[in-house]
Structures are given as structure tokens and as C-alpha cells.
């Protein structure tokens, strides 16, 4: 089992930046990849980006967040991050951390965090 705990969400204004963290614990060596999904109100959960355990492989970013969001990881802390810049109201969503396996350039999640709310106001 892998436990994932997200943090860093909050209420910000358009154009602000925010950095999410996801700390993993448990059998982390069995799940080489981690990533982020998000779910906006009334919409389906969508894949944002994932990163391999080594950090050497990063999937493509969800189109609307390209060049604004950056994923990274610190294996010493078993933590991944999502740095979000130039936030827009449409980035408002619950952001979920996931751990699993990279299949091609997508993450096949096996474990989920509880989610952290990001709200961007205009």
C-alpha cells in the first residue's frame, strides 16, 4: 500500500502562483511513477502530468497548463511537486496526486491522495 498526502492548495487570484506537494509513504518502491490529476466542478477528472521515479521521464502536460505548470520530485523526501504559475480561473479544481505505473506517456494510477482544493478567483 502507498499513502499519498497532498498539500499546498488554497484560494488565490488570477495570475498568482501556487505549489502543490504530494508526500508518499508505504510501499513506494513498488510504484515508480507519480503524477497529478484534477477535477473541476461538474467535470470529469483529467490527467495533468506524471513523472517517472527517476525523474527522467515526464509525460506531456495537459494542454491548457503547458508552459505554466511544472512537475518535479524529490525522491529523498518521497515527494512530488506541482508548481503552478499564471493561474487562471479555469484552473480551479480539486487536484489529486496519484501513484502507479507509466504506460506509454500516461499514468496508470493505483493509489490516490485525498485531493487538495485550488480555487482561483478573478
C-alpha atoms as a PDB file:
ATOM      1  CA  UNK A   1       0.000   0.000   0.000  1.00  0.00           C
ATOM      2  CA  UNK A   2       1.025   3.540  -0.726  1.00  0.00           C
ATOM      3  CA  UNK A   3      -0.371   6.527   1.102  1.00  0.00           C
ATOM      4  CA  UNK A   4      -0.401   9.900  -0.612  1.00  0.00           C
ATOM      5  CA  UNK A   5      -0.978  13.199   1.127  1.00  0.00           C
ATOM      6  CA  UNK A   6      -1.362  16.399  -0.850  1.00  0.00           C
ATOM      7  CA  UNK A   7      -0.861  19.887   0.487  1.00  0.00           C
ATOM      8  CA  UNK A   8      -0.462  23.411  -0.762  1.00  0.00           C
ATOM      9  CA  UNK A   9      -3.874  24.135  -2.184  1.00  0.00           C
ATOM     10  CA  UNK A  10      -5.748  27.312  -1.411  1.00  0.00           C
ATOM     11  CA  UNK A  11      -7.515  30.398  -2.664  1.00  0.00           C
ATOM     12  CA  UNK A  12      -5.509  32.645  -4.949  1.00  0.00           C
ATOM     13  CA  UNK A  13      -6.163  35.313  -7.529  1.00  0.00           C
ATOM     14  CA  UNK A  14      -5.730  35.221 -11.270  1.00  0.00           C
ATOM     15  CA  UNK A  15      -2.073  35.421 -12.192  1.00  0.00           C
ATOM     16  CA  UNK A  16      -0.823  34.127  -8.864  1.00  0.00           C
ATOM     17  CA  UNK A  17       1.377  31.103  -8.313  1.00  0.00           C
ATOM     18  CA  UNK A  18       0.896  28.076  -6.098  1.00  0.00           C
ATOM     19  CA  UNK A  19       2.983  24.995  -5.394  1.00  0.00           C
ATOM     20  CA  UNK A  20       1.351  21.704  -4.528  1.00  0.00           C
ATOM     21  CA  UNK A  21       3.145  18.896  -2.746  1.00  0.00           C
ATOM     22  CA  UNK A  22       2.366  15.215  -2.505  1.00  0.00           C
ATOM     23  CA  UNK A  23       4.189  13.107   0.041  1.00  0.00           C
ATOM     24  CA  UNK A  24       4.211   9.358  -0.415  1.00  0.00           C
ATOM     25  CA  UNK A  25       4.683   6.736   2.249  1.00  0.00           C
ATOM     26  CA  UNK A  26       4.397   2.978   2.454  1.00  0.00           C
ATOM     27  CA  UNK A  27       5.480   0.669  -0.329  1.00  0.00           C
ATOM     28  CA  UNK A  28       6.701   3.475  -2.518  1.00  0.00           C
ATOM     29  CA  UNK A  29       9.342   1.392  -4.254  1.00  0.00           C
ATOM     30  CA  UNK A  30       6.584  -0.601  -5.933  1.00  0.00           C
ATOM     31  CA  UNK A  31       5.164   2.429  -7.668  1.00  0.00           C
ATOM     32  CA  UNK A  32       7.734   4.017  -9.895  1.00  0.00           C
ATOM     33  CA  UNK A  33       5.653   6.872 -11.223  1.00  0.00           C
ATOM     34  CA  UNK A  34       3.603   9.639  -9.672  1.00  0.00           C
ATOM     35  CA  UNK A  35       1.518  12.391 -11.089  1.00  0.00           C
ATOM     36  CA  UNK A  36      -1.320  14.844 -10.865  1.00  0.00           C
ATOM     37  CA  UNK A  37      -4.937  14.811 -11.938  1.00  0.00           C
ATOM     38  CA  UNK A  38      -7.543  17.473 -11.420  1.00  0.00           C
ATOM     39  CA  UNK A  39     -11.302  17.608 -11.303  1.00  0.00           C
ATOM     40  CA  UNK A  40     -13.211  20.812 -11.821  1.00  0.00           C
ATOM     41  CA  UNK A  41     -16.799  21.196 -10.572  1.00  0.00           C
ATOM     42  CA  UNK A  42     -19.197  19.295 -12.796  1.00  0.00           C
ATOM     43  CA  UNK A  43     -16.411  17.843 -14.918  1.00  0.00           C
ATOM     44  CA  UNK A  44     -14.597  14.551 -15.135  1.00  0.00           C
ATOM     45  CA  UNK A  45     -11.217  14.043 -13.572  1.00  0.00           C
ATOM     46  CA  UNK A  46      -8.450  14.796 -16.053  1.00  0.00           C
ATOM     47  CA  UNK A  47      -4.819  13.862 -16.243  1.00  0.00           C
ATOM     48  CA  UNK A  48      -2.414  16.759 -15.799  1.00  0.00           C
ATOM     49  CA  UNK A  49       1.095  15.300 -15.835  1.00  0.00           C
ATOM     50  CA  UNK A  50       3.215  12.491 -14.405  1.00  0.00           C
ATOM     51  CA  UNK A  51       6.865  11.856 -13.670  1.00  0.00           C
ATOM     52  CA  UNK A  52       8.853   8.644 -13.508  1.00  0.00           C
ATOM     53  CA  UNK A  53      10.507   7.523 -10.304  1.00  0.00           C
ATOM     54  CA  UNK A  54      13.906   8.629 -11.531  1.00  0.00           C
ATOM     55  CA  UNK A  55      12.505  11.922 -12.717  1.00  0.00           C
ATOM     56  CA  UNK A  56      13.983  11.248 -16.109  1.00  0.00           C
ATOM     57  CA  UNK A  57      10.668  10.874 -17.842  1.00  0.00           C
ATOM     58  CA  UNK A  58       7.926  13.460 -17.697  1.00  0.00           C
ATOM     59  CA  UNK A  59       4.754  12.946 -19.630  1.00  0.00           C
ATOM     60  CA  UNK A  60       3.243  15.619 -21.767  1.00  0.00           C
ATOM     61  CA  UNK A  61       1.276  18.224 -19.834  1.00  0.00           C
ATOM     62  CA  UNK A  62      -2.427  18.771 -20.181  1.00  0.00           C
ATOM     63  CA  UNK A  63      -2.667  21.301 -22.988  1.00  0.00           C
ATOM     64  CA  UNK A  64      -4.213  24.193 -21.014  1.00  0.00           C
ATOM     65  CA  UNK A  65      -1.442  24.075 -18.413  1.00  0.00           C
ATOM     66  CA  UNK A  66       1.543  23.735 -20.709  1.00  0.00           C
ATOM     67  CA  UNK A  67       4.292  26.293 -20.020  1.00  0.00           C
ATOM     68  CA  UNK A  68       2.562  27.305 -16.773  1.00  0.00           C
ATOM     69  CA  UNK A  69       2.789  24.151 -14.640  1.00  0.00           C
ATOM     70  CA  UNK A  70       5.947  22.239 -13.766  1.00  0.00           C
ATOM     71  CA  UNK A  71       6.201  18.851 -12.113  1.00  0.00           C
ATOM     72  CA  UNK A  72       9.221  17.762 -10.121  1.00  0.00           C
ATOM     73  CA  UNK A  73      10.120  15.201  -7.493  1.00  0.00           C
ATOM     74  CA  UNK A  74      12.457  14.756  -4.577  1.00  0.00           C
ATOM     75  CA  UNK A  75      12.984  11.053  -4.017  1.00  0.00           C
ATOM     76  CA  UNK A  76      14.835  11.634  -0.771  1.00  0.00           C
ATOM     77  CA  UNK A  77      11.565  13.037   0.562  1.00  0.00           C
ATOM     78  CA  UNK A  78       9.326  10.727  -1.482  1.00  0.00           C
ATOM     79  CA  UNK A  79       7.552  13.848  -2.603  1.00  0.00           C
ATOM     80  CA  UNK A  80       6.422  15.276  -5.894  1.00  0.00           C
ATOM     81  CA  UNK A  81       5.510  18.863  -6.570  1.00  0.00           C
ATOM     82  CA  UNK A  82       3.379  20.772  -8.997  1.00  0.00           C
ATOM     83  CA  UNK A  83       4.419  24.355  -9.427  1.00  0.00           C
ATOM     84  CA  UNK A  84       1.605  26.361 -10.948  1.00  0.00           C
ATOM     85  CA  UNK A  85       2.150  29.828 -12.345  1.00  0.00           C
ATOM     86  CA  UNK A  86      -0.065  32.388 -14.032  1.00  0.00           C
ATOM     87  CA  UNK A  87      -3.116  30.716 -12.587  1.00  0.00           C
ATOM     88  CA  UNK A  88      -6.433  31.180 -14.323  1.00  0.00           C
ATOM     89  CA  UNK A  89      -9.970  30.801 -13.061  1.00  0.00           C
ATOM     90  CA  UNK A  90     -10.301  27.687 -15.196  1.00  0.00           C
ATOM     91  CA  UNK A  91      -7.544  26.056 -13.142  1.00  0.00           C
ATOM     92  CA  UNK A  92      -9.983  25.903 -10.244  1.00  0.00           C
ATOM     93  CA  UNK A  93     -10.308  22.244  -9.319  1.00  0.00           C
ATOM     94  CA  UNK A  94      -9.522  19.603  -6.783  1.00  0.00           C
ATOM     95  CA  UNK A  95      -6.015  18.408  -7.537  1.00  0.00           C
ATOM     96  CA  UNK A  96      -5.294  14.764  -6.870  1.00  0.00           C
ATOM     97  CA  UNK A  97      -1.949  13.083  -6.521  1.00  0.00           C
ATOM     98  CA  UNK A  98      -1.661   9.575  -7.919  1.00  0.00           C
ATOM     99  CA  UNK A  99       0.952   6.838  -7.842  1.00  0.00           C
ATOM    100  CA  UNK A 100       1.185   3.997 -10.284  1.00  0.00           C
ATOM    101  CA  UNK A 101       2.830   2.905 -13.476  1.00  0.00           C
ATOM    102  CA  UNK A 102       3.712   4.799 -16.590  1.00  0.00           C
ATOM    103  CA  UNK A 103       2.122   3.178 -19.610  1.00  0.00           C
ATOM    104  CA  UNK A 104       3.477   4.887 -22.634  1.00  0.00           C
ATOM    105  CA  UNK A 105       3.276   8.501 -21.594  1.00  0.00           C
ATOM    106  CA  UNK A 106       0.260   8.195 -19.353  1.00  0.00           C
ATOM    107  CA  UNK A 107      -0.013   7.242 -15.715  1.00  0.00           C
ATOM    108  CA  UNK A 108      -1.977   4.168 -14.753  1.00  0.00           C
ATOM    109  CA  UNK A 109      -2.934   5.079 -11.190  1.00  0.00           C
ATOM    110  CA  UNK A 110      -3.032   2.504  -8.453  1.00  0.00           C
ATOM    111  CA  UNK A 111      -3.210   4.853  -5.488  1.00  0.00           C
ATOM    112  CA  UNK A 112      -4.822   8.232  -4.949  1.00  0.00           C
ATOM    113  CA  UNK A 113      -4.452  11.027  -2.493  1.00  0.00           C
ATOM    114  CA  UNK A 114      -7.442  12.718  -0.903  1.00  0.00           C
ATOM    115  CA  UNK A 115      -7.125  15.803  -3.079  1.00  0.00           C
ATOM    116  CA  UNK A 116      -6.406  19.435  -2.384  1.00  0.00           C
ATOM    117  CA  UNK A 117      -8.639  22.297  -3.458  1.00  0.00           C
ATOM    118  CA  UNK A 118      -7.252  25.037  -5.658  1.00  0.00           C
ATOM    119  CA  UNK A 119      -9.530  27.999  -6.211  1.00  0.00           C
ATOM    120  CA  UNK A 120      -8.546  30.845  -8.488  1.00  0.00           C
ATOM    121  CA  UNK A 121     -10.652  33.971  -8.240  1.00  0.00           C
ATOM    122  CA  UNK A 122     -10.770  36.790 -10.774  1.00  0.00           C
END
